[in-house]
Each structure stands twice: as C-alpha cells, then as structure tokens.
Amino acid sequence: MSRASRARRIALAAAYGGGGLGLLGAAATGLLVGEVQLAKWTIKVPDGPVPECDGEYGTRFAADGVAPLTVAVLGDSTAAGMGAELPRQTPGALLANGLADILRRPVRLHCFAVVGALTADLYPQLNLALEVRPDVAVVLVGANDVTHLVRPPVSVRHLSRVVGQLGAAGARVVVGTCPDLGTIRPIRQPLRWICRRWSRELAAAQTIAVVEAGGRTVSLGDLLGPEFLASPEELFSADHFHPSPAGYAKATAALLPTVASVCGGLGEPAEERLTAAMLRSLPHAAVAAADRAGTEVSAAGPSLAGGRWAQLRRRVRLLAARPTDPHPPGTMVPEPTAEA
C-alpha cells in the first residue's frame, strides 16, 4: 500500500470511527512500550513552568485605530514553549510579534497549550479558546500521541473535531503537523525508527483531516530533522527533547507566512516568494508535505473523482526572530533565512 493510500485510510478510519491501522503487532508493541518508558526516564523534562506569553503585541500600531487581532495557540509542550527561557522566545510570542509586524496591527495572544497534552486533551483548550473568539487559531500537537503509541485514526479524529469547531466559530486555523521524532537522541532504536515512520504517517493523516475540516497545515517534520540532528546543542534545549529558543525560532519561521496569509497579510505569490504552487490530490499532497518541512497544504476545490485537490506552497524567504536579541515585547526583527 502506498503512503498516500495509507494516510487516506487513516483519515477515513478517523472520520468513521475506526481505531486500527497500527504499525505493529502485539509482541513488537510490548517491546516498544518498554522502550518508551526508558525514553521517558532518560528525558529530564524541566520541572519549572514554561514562560507565560499571553498579552498584547504590536501595541505601537494601536494608535492607528486598528482593532487587535486575537490569536489562540493550542497544543502540547512545543506549543507552550517548553525549553524557552523567556516569554518572547516562545512560539506564541514569536508568532504574535511577527503577525504584528506584517499586518501592522496589534495582536492579542492567548496561549492555552498544556505540557504533555495528547490530541485527545485539546477539548478543554478548545473551550477556553472559543470563549475569547479568536480570529486565528494555531495548533501544534501530535508528538505525545506518537510517544504514547496512540493509534493514528484516534488522534486524527480528535484533531479534525477541534479544527471543525474552531472553524465553525469563525477562526482561521493553521496546524503545525507532527514533527519527526526520529531525531530525538534519548529515544533508542528500534523505537527511534518506529517514531520516525509513525510521526510522518501521523503528519500526513493530520494534513488530510485538517484540510478537509477547513484548515491549513504546515509540515514541521524535516525542519526538526536534519538541522536538529546536525546542531543538537543549538536547536535542542537542555532536556534534548524540546526545542531551544533557536529551535523555536526556526519552527515559528516556517509557520509565520501561512498564519499571516490566512490573515490577509501576504498578497501576490511573488510577494510570498514561493518556490512552487502546485495542485495534487490531497493524500499525495499530504505525503509530500510530511517529507519536506515548511510546506503549506490548503484546499483547492473538489477533484473530478469526488475527492479533493490540494495546493502545496513552500517558502524560501521567511521572517525569523532572533531570540537572543534584547528587544522588548512587541517587536520583531526581520531576518531572511535559508530554505527551511
């Protein structure tokens, strides 16, 4: 079975209540459960709380009389910013600063992400997000589903419901799909190989479900792959599991153009500096995106066969924050980066 077919089957199983399609047999699963426990013992997650990033950004634009853009961030420890040392180094703050700079309007940020959250744990965060009526919702989730061996259809089913409810409430939704966990040093073989395959499979299925629910996705897999393997001391935090401030800046730089685009902050394709904008069937687009970080997938209308076409976009010039610069909250320094 091709990867595209498998991703489509997972998404269908999620939609119609299936929970199977696991990668492993019972014996192999038992072995990997032991490996997961060993990895959890090895990874020393910091005891302290993550920096709180809620607040107003881009307040210098408030004098123009433009209403603030309300942004909600949902997800797990990566969405919360575990591993960041200061509020301005968290993904939420980096996104809020970047949006304020691009849109030239204030941004009101609410981060509801919870350390350790599975996709099934998003519903309390969803309820809080709906209370603030966000214009944009950014969701980063999936890594814990892989390390806890949650069946992909179960994980994807919950994500689809959350995206659908956010969209029904008027929010534009961008999901950063599951990162490649095959780069995590404390995870040993064979679990590391399984995590790599499982995380990419989950990312592809997430893409199908999110686009069908009305959202957009951005792949983070390869972004947290080769570069993190090459520079683990720079891009991982002290626990060797969560990104460092520099790692969060790279991940946020991949997300920011898509988040800005759904807000109307980026105009013609030439302005976005895209390497390609192409149409593929949604399952094939999902697999292609899972293999290449920074790839945005959005709906492009129904196909002749009754399925859906998807559009892939990949950015080559992004805005990134310098997390070590002593800039006050609400500022962002544009910096061109290499292809993500």
Protein backbone atom coordinates (compact mmCIF):
# COMPACT_ATOMS: atom_id res chain seq x y z
CA MET A 1 0.00 0.00 0.00
CA SER A 2 1.36 3.44 -0.91
CA ARG A 3 1.93 6.05 1.78
CA ALA A 4 -0.76 8.25 0.25
CA SER A 5 -3.27 5.41 0.36
CA ARG A 6 -2.36 4.60 3.92
CA ALA A 7 -2.71 8.23 5.01
CA ARG A 8 -6.10 8.36 3.34
CA ARG A 9 -7.18 5.15 5.09
CA ILE A 10 -6.16 6.58 8.46
CA ALA A 11 -8.15 9.75 7.77
CA LEU A 12 -11.17 7.67 6.72
CA ALA A 13 -10.86 5.48 9.79
CA ALA A 14 -10.78 8.63 11.89
CA ALA A 15 -13.88 10.00 10.19
CA TYR A 16 -15.88 6.80 10.52
CA GLY A 17 -14.79 5.68 13.95
CA GLY A 18 -12.08 3.13 13.17
CA GLY A 19 -9.23 2.70 15.61
CA GLY A 20 -6.99 0.14 13.93
CA LEU A 21 -4.28 0.52 11.32
CA GLY A 22 -1.47 0.22 13.83
CA LEU A 23 2.08 -0.26 12.60
CA LEU A 24 2.96 -3.09 14.95
CA GLY A 25 1.95 -6.49 16.18
CA ALA A 26 1.28 -7.24 19.84
CA ALA A 27 4.77 -8.58 20.57
CA ALA A 28 6.52 -5.62 18.94
CA THR A 29 4.20 -3.22 20.71
CA GLY A 30 5.14 -4.73 24.06
CA LEU A 31 8.83 -4.21 23.29
CA LEU A 32 8.27 -0.61 22.27
CA VAL A 33 6.23 0.16 25.38
CA GLY A 34 9.35 -0.74 27.36
CA GLU A 35 11.47 1.46 25.11
CA VAL A 36 9.02 4.35 25.60
CA GLN A 37 9.28 4.02 29.37
CA LEU A 38 13.08 4.04 29.12
CA ALA A 39 12.98 7.15 26.94
CA LYS A 40 10.70 8.91 29.44
CA TRP A 41 13.14 8.05 32.22
CA THR A 42 16.09 9.32 30.18
CA ILE A 43 14.48 12.60 29.11
CA LYS A 44 14.73 15.00 32.03
CA VAL A 45 11.88 17.39 31.41
CA PRO A 46 12.36 20.66 33.33
CA ASP A 47 10.31 20.98 36.50
CA GLY A 48 9.68 24.71 36.20
CA PRO A 49 6.72 26.24 34.36
CA VAL A 50 7.01 27.45 30.79
CA PRO A 51 7.21 31.22 30.31
CA GLU A 52 3.78 32.85 30.06
CA CYS A 53 3.43 34.70 26.78
CA ASP A 54 -0.21 35.89 26.93
CA GLY A 55 -0.66 39.58 26.29
CA GLU A 56 -0.69 42.40 23.76
CA TYR A 57 1.91 42.59 20.99
CA GLY A 58 2.48 45.32 18.43
CA THR A 59 0.96 47.94 20.70
CA ARG A 60 2.79 50.60 18.69
CA PHE A 61 0.17 50.06 15.98
CA ALA A 62 -2.75 50.72 18.32
CA ALA A 63 -2.54 54.45 17.60
CA ASP A 64 -3.69 53.75 14.04
CA GLY A 65 -7.10 52.77 15.38
CA VAL A 66 -6.90 49.21 14.09
CA ALA A 67 -8.63 46.57 16.20
CA PRO A 68 -6.32 43.91 17.68
CA LEU A 69 -6.10 40.52 16.00
CA THR A 70 -6.94 37.79 18.51
CA VAL A 71 -4.72 34.72 18.24
CA ALA A 72 -5.15 31.48 20.20
CA VAL A 73 -2.41 28.85 20.48
CA LEU A 74 -3.41 25.30 21.38
CA GLY A 75 -1.42 22.12 21.76
CA ASP A 76 1.31 20.44 23.76
CA SER A 77 4.63 21.44 25.31
CA THR A 78 6.00 22.60 21.97
CA ALA A 79 3.06 24.95 21.52
CA ALA A 80 3.51 26.16 25.11
CA GLY A 81 7.23 26.78 24.60
CA MET A 82 8.85 24.26 26.95
CA GLY A 83 12.57 24.84 26.68
CA ALA A 84 12.29 28.61 26.15
CA GLU A 85 13.81 30.79 28.84
CA LEU A 86 11.86 34.00 28.27
CA PRO A 87 8.28 34.74 27.16
CA ARG A 88 9.45 36.39 23.92
CA GLN A 89 11.23 33.14 22.93
CA THR A 90 8.05 31.04 22.91
CA PRO A 91 6.29 30.15 19.64
CA GLY A 92 3.24 32.16 20.66
CA ALA A 93 5.21 35.33 21.26
CA LEU A 94 7.27 34.86 18.11
CA LEU A 95 4.10 34.42 16.05
CA ALA A 96 2.39 37.39 17.69
CA ASN A 97 5.41 39.63 17.12
CA GLY A 98 5.70 38.51 13.52
CA LEU A 99 2.00 39.00 12.77
CA ALA A 100 2.02 42.47 14.31
CA ASP A 101 4.99 43.40 12.14
CA ILE A 102 3.49 42.01 8.91
CA LEU A 103 -0.09 43.17 9.45
CA ARG A 104 0.85 46.43 11.18
CA ARG A 105 -1.83 45.94 13.76
CA PRO A 106 -1.90 44.94 17.44
CA VAL A 107 -2.14 41.25 18.29
CA ARG A 108 -3.82 39.88 21.40
CA LEU A 109 -2.30 36.48 22.21
CA HIS A 110 -3.87 33.71 24.29
CA CYS A 111 -1.80 30.56 24.76
CA PHE A 112 -3.87 27.63 26.08
CA ALA A 113 -1.31 24.91 25.32
CA VAL A 114 -0.59 22.37 28.07
CA VAL A 115 2.66 20.48 28.60
CA GLY A 116 2.18 16.78 27.94
CA ALA A 117 -1.13 17.16 26.09
CA LEU A 118 -2.31 14.49 23.70
CA THR A 119 -4.62 15.40 20.84
CA ALA A 120 -7.47 13.98 22.91
CA ASP A 121 -6.63 16.56 25.58
CA LEU A 122 -7.36 19.54 23.31
CA TYR A 123 -11.03 19.90 24.25
CA PRO A 124 -10.54 21.94 27.46
CA GLN A 125 -8.17 24.18 25.49
CA LEU A 126 -10.78 24.43 22.74
CA ASN A 127 -13.43 25.57 25.20
CA LEU A 128 -11.14 28.28 26.55
CA ALA A 129 -10.25 29.38 23.03
CA LEU A 130 -13.89 29.64 21.99
CA GLU A 131 -14.51 31.99 24.90
CA VAL A 132 -12.06 34.57 23.50
CA ARG A 133 -13.44 34.23 19.94
CA PRO A 134 -10.06 34.06 18.15
CA ASP A 135 -9.56 35.38 14.66
CA VAL A 136 -6.79 32.81 14.18
CA ALA A 137 -6.03 29.56 15.98
CA VAL A 138 -2.65 27.84 15.73
CA VAL A 139 -2.45 24.20 16.83
CA LEU A 140 0.77 22.24 17.46
CA VAL A 141 0.10 18.69 18.58
CA GLY A 142 0.88 15.04 17.84
CA ALA A 143 4.31 14.27 19.29
CA ASN A 144 2.89 12.91 22.54
CA ASP A 145 0.43 10.76 20.61
CA VAL A 146 3.41 9.06 18.96
CA THR A 147 5.40 8.52 22.17
CA HIS A 148 2.25 7.23 23.90
CA LEU A 149 1.52 4.89 20.96
CA VAL A 150 -1.94 6.39 20.31
CA ARG A 151 -3.46 4.88 17.18
CA PRO A 152 -3.26 7.45 14.36
CA PRO A 153 -7.01 7.31 13.49
CA VAL A 154 -7.88 8.09 17.11
CA SER A 155 -5.51 11.05 17.21
CA VAL A 156 -6.66 12.38 13.84
CA ARG A 157 -10.33 12.08 14.77
CA HIS A 158 -9.87 14.39 17.75
CA LEU A 159 -7.86 16.90 15.72
CA SER A 160 -10.50 17.02 12.99
CA ARG A 161 -13.22 17.76 15.53
CA VAL A 162 -11.21 20.54 17.16
CA VAL A 163 -10.39 22.18 13.82
CA GLY A 164 -14.00 21.90 12.72
CA GLN A 165 -15.32 23.56 15.88
CA LEU A 166 -12.78 26.37 15.69
CA GLY A 167 -13.69 26.98 12.06
CA ALA A 168 -17.41 26.92 12.83
CA ALA A 169 -16.77 29.66 15.41
CA GLY A 170 -15.18 31.85 12.75
CA ALA A 171 -11.49 31.19 13.41
CA ARG A 172 -8.98 30.56 10.65
CA VAL A 173 -6.99 27.50 11.68
CA VAL A 174 -3.37 26.61 10.98
CA VAL A 175 -1.97 23.31 12.26
CA GLY A 176 1.74 22.58 12.55
CA THR A 177 1.78 18.83 11.91
CA CYS A 178 3.60 16.24 13.99
CA PRO A 179 7.39 16.72 13.94
CA ASP A 180 9.83 13.96 13.06
CA LEU A 181 10.64 12.27 16.37
CA GLY A 182 13.37 10.16 14.80
CA THR A 183 15.86 12.89 15.71
CA ILE A 184 15.41 12.64 19.49
CA ARG A 185 18.66 11.30 20.93
CA PRO A 186 17.23 9.80 24.16
CA ILE A 187 14.92 7.62 22.05
CA ARG A 188 16.84 4.47 21.15
CA GLN A 189 16.46 2.06 18.28
CA PRO A 190 14.20 0.40 17.26
CA LEU A 191 11.82 2.94 18.82
CA ARG A 192 13.51 5.82 17.03
CA TRP A 193 12.89 4.24 13.62
CA ILE A 194 9.29 3.48 14.52
CA CYS A 195 8.78 7.02 15.84
CA ARG A 196 10.12 8.48 12.60
CA ARG A 197 7.79 6.40 10.49
CA TRP A 198 4.82 6.84 12.81
CA SER A 199 5.27 10.61 13.14
CA ARG A 200 5.43 11.10 9.38
CA GLU A 201 2.42 8.87 8.89
CA LEU A 202 0.52 10.83 11.52
CA ALA A 203 1.57 14.16 9.95
CA ALA A 204 0.21 13.08 6.56
CA ALA A 205 -3.08 11.91 8.06
CA GLN A 206 -3.34 15.11 10.10
CA THR A 207 -2.97 17.12 6.90
CA ILE A 208 -5.81 15.29 5.17
CA ALA A 209 -8.14 15.69 8.15
CA VAL A 210 -7.29 19.35 8.77
CA VAL A 211 -7.71 20.43 5.15
CA GLU A 212 -11.00 18.53 4.89
CA ALA A 213 -12.12 20.30 8.08
CA GLY A 214 -11.35 23.71 6.55
CA GLY A 215 -7.90 24.46 7.96
CA ARG A 216 -4.38 24.66 6.60
CA THR A 217 -1.30 22.74 7.65
CA VAL A 218 2.42 23.41 7.71
CA SER A 219 4.83 20.49 7.90
CA LEU A 220 7.44 20.67 10.66
CA GLY A 221 8.91 17.19 10.14
CA ASP A 222 12.14 17.77 8.23
CA LEU A 223 12.63 21.15 9.85
CA LEU A 224 13.07 19.37 13.17
CA GLY A 225 15.01 16.60 11.44
CA PRO A 226 18.34 17.07 9.62
CA GLU A 227 19.02 20.51 11.06
CA PHE A 228 18.30 19.33 14.58
CA LEU A 229 20.50 16.27 14.06
CA ALA A 230 23.31 18.45 12.76
CA SER A 231 23.09 21.06 15.54
CA PRO A 232 21.50 19.38 18.57
CA GLU A 233 23.31 21.59 21.08
CA GLU A 234 21.97 24.72 19.37
CA LEU A 235 18.46 23.63 18.46
CA PHE A 236 17.53 21.37 21.37
CA SER A 237 17.08 22.58 24.93
CA ALA A 238 18.84 21.06 27.92
CA ASP A 239 16.49 18.05 28.06
CA HIS A 240 17.49 17.06 24.46
CA PHE A 241 13.80 16.65 23.64
CA HIS A 242 12.20 20.10 23.41
CA PRO A 243 13.50 22.81 21.06
CA SER A 244 15.76 25.57 22.32
CA PRO A 245 14.92 29.25 21.69
CA ALA A 246 16.83 28.98 18.39
CA GLY A 247 14.86 25.85 17.53
CA TYR A 248 11.56 27.58 18.24
CA ALA A 249 12.61 30.49 16.04
CA LYS A 250 13.15 28.10 13.12
CA ALA A 251 9.85 26.32 13.66
CA THR A 252 7.95 29.58 14.02
CA ALA A 253 9.57 30.96 10.87
CA ALA A 254 8.04 28.06 8.95
CA LEU A 255 4.58 28.71 10.41
CA LEU A 256 4.50 32.50 10.23
CA PRO A 257 3.97 33.02 6.47
CA THR A 258 0.95 30.72 6.46
CA VAL A 259 -0.56 32.30 9.57
CA ALA A 260 -0.01 35.75 8.07
CA SER A 261 -1.50 34.60 4.78
CA VAL A 262 -4.79 33.44 6.32
CA CYS A 263 -5.00 36.89 7.92
CA GLY A 264 -4.57 38.60 4.57
CA GLY A 265 -1.08 39.80 5.41
CA LEU A 266 0.65 38.40 2.35
CA GLY A 267 -0.55 39.29 -1.09
CA GLU A 268 0.54 38.08 -4.51
CA PRO A 269 2.58 34.90 -4.84
CA ALA A 270 5.59 36.96 -5.94
CA GLU A 271 5.46 38.79 -2.65
CA GLU A 272 5.37 35.49 -0.78
CA ARG A 273 8.43 34.31 -2.72
CA LEU A 274 7.16 30.79 -3.27
CA THR A 275 9.36 28.15 -4.89
CA ALA A 276 6.25 26.35 -6.15
CA ALA A 277 2.50 26.44 -6.02
CA MET A 278 1.11 23.19 -7.38
CA LEU A 279 -2.00 21.07 -7.28
CA ARG A 280 -2.07 17.44 -6.19
CA SER A 281 -4.65 15.09 -4.80
CA LEU A 282 -4.96 15.70 -1.07
CA PRO A 283 -3.43 12.34 0.01
CA HIS A 284 -0.41 12.81 -2.27
CA ALA A 285 -0.03 16.41 -1.14
CA ALA A 286 -0.13 15.27 2.49
CA VAL A 287 2.66 12.75 1.96
CA ALA A 288 4.79 15.25 0.02
CA ALA A 289 4.39 17.82 2.79
CA ALA A 290 5.31 15.33 5.52
CA ASP A 291 8.60 14.74 3.73
CA ARG A 292 9.52 18.39 3.36
CA ALA A 293 9.30 20.91 6.16
CA GLY A 294 7.83 24.32 5.64
CA THR A 295 5.31 23.02 3.11
CA GLU A 296 1.85 24.50 3.43
CA VAL A 297 -1.16 22.48 2.32
CA SER A 298 -4.53 24.11 1.69
CA ALA A 299 -7.73 23.12 -0.09
CA ALA A 300 -8.04 23.82 -3.79
CA GLY A 301 -11.54 22.57 -4.56
CA PRO A 302 -13.07 19.15 -5.34
CA SER A 303 -11.49 16.78 -7.81
CA LEU A 304 -13.27 15.15 -10.74
CA ALA A 305 -13.16 11.81 -8.93
CA GLY A 306 -15.11 13.19 -6.00
CA GLY A 307 -12.07 13.70 -3.80
CA ARG A 308 -10.21 16.93 -3.17
CA TRP A 309 -7.32 18.75 -4.77
CA ALA A 310 -4.82 20.43 -2.50
CA GLN A 311 -2.35 23.21 -3.12
CA LEU A 312 1.23 22.96 -1.88
CA ARG A 313 3.25 26.07 -1.20
CA ARG A 314 6.80 26.26 0.04
CA ARG A 315 8.50 29.43 1.24
CA VAL A 316 12.16 30.22 0.60
CA ARG A 317 12.37 33.55 2.38
CA LEU A 318 10.87 33.76 5.85
CA LEU A 319 10.72 36.17 8.73
CA ALA A 320 12.51 34.83 11.78
CA ALA A 321 13.02 36.31 15.20
CA ARG A 322 16.43 36.49 16.86
CA PRO A 323 15.51 35.07 20.26
CA THR A 324 18.75 36.25 21.89
CA ASP A 325 18.38 39.90 20.90
CA PRO A 326 17.41 42.21 23.79
CA HIS A 327 14.28 43.56 22.09
CA PRO A 328 11.29 44.44 24.28
CA PRO A 329 7.97 42.58 23.88
CA GLY A 330 6.01 43.61 20.81
CA THR A 331 9.00 43.97 18.48
CA MET A 332 10.41 41.69 15.84
CA VAL A 333 13.47 41.88 13.66
CA PRO A 334 13.03 40.68 10.05
CA GLU A 335 15.73 38.28 9.05
CA PRO A 336 15.96 36.39 5.74
CA THR A 337 16.74 32.72 6.23
CA ALA A 338 17.81 29.89 4.02
CA GLU A 339 15.24 27.47 2.70
CA ALA A 340 13.61 25.77 5.66
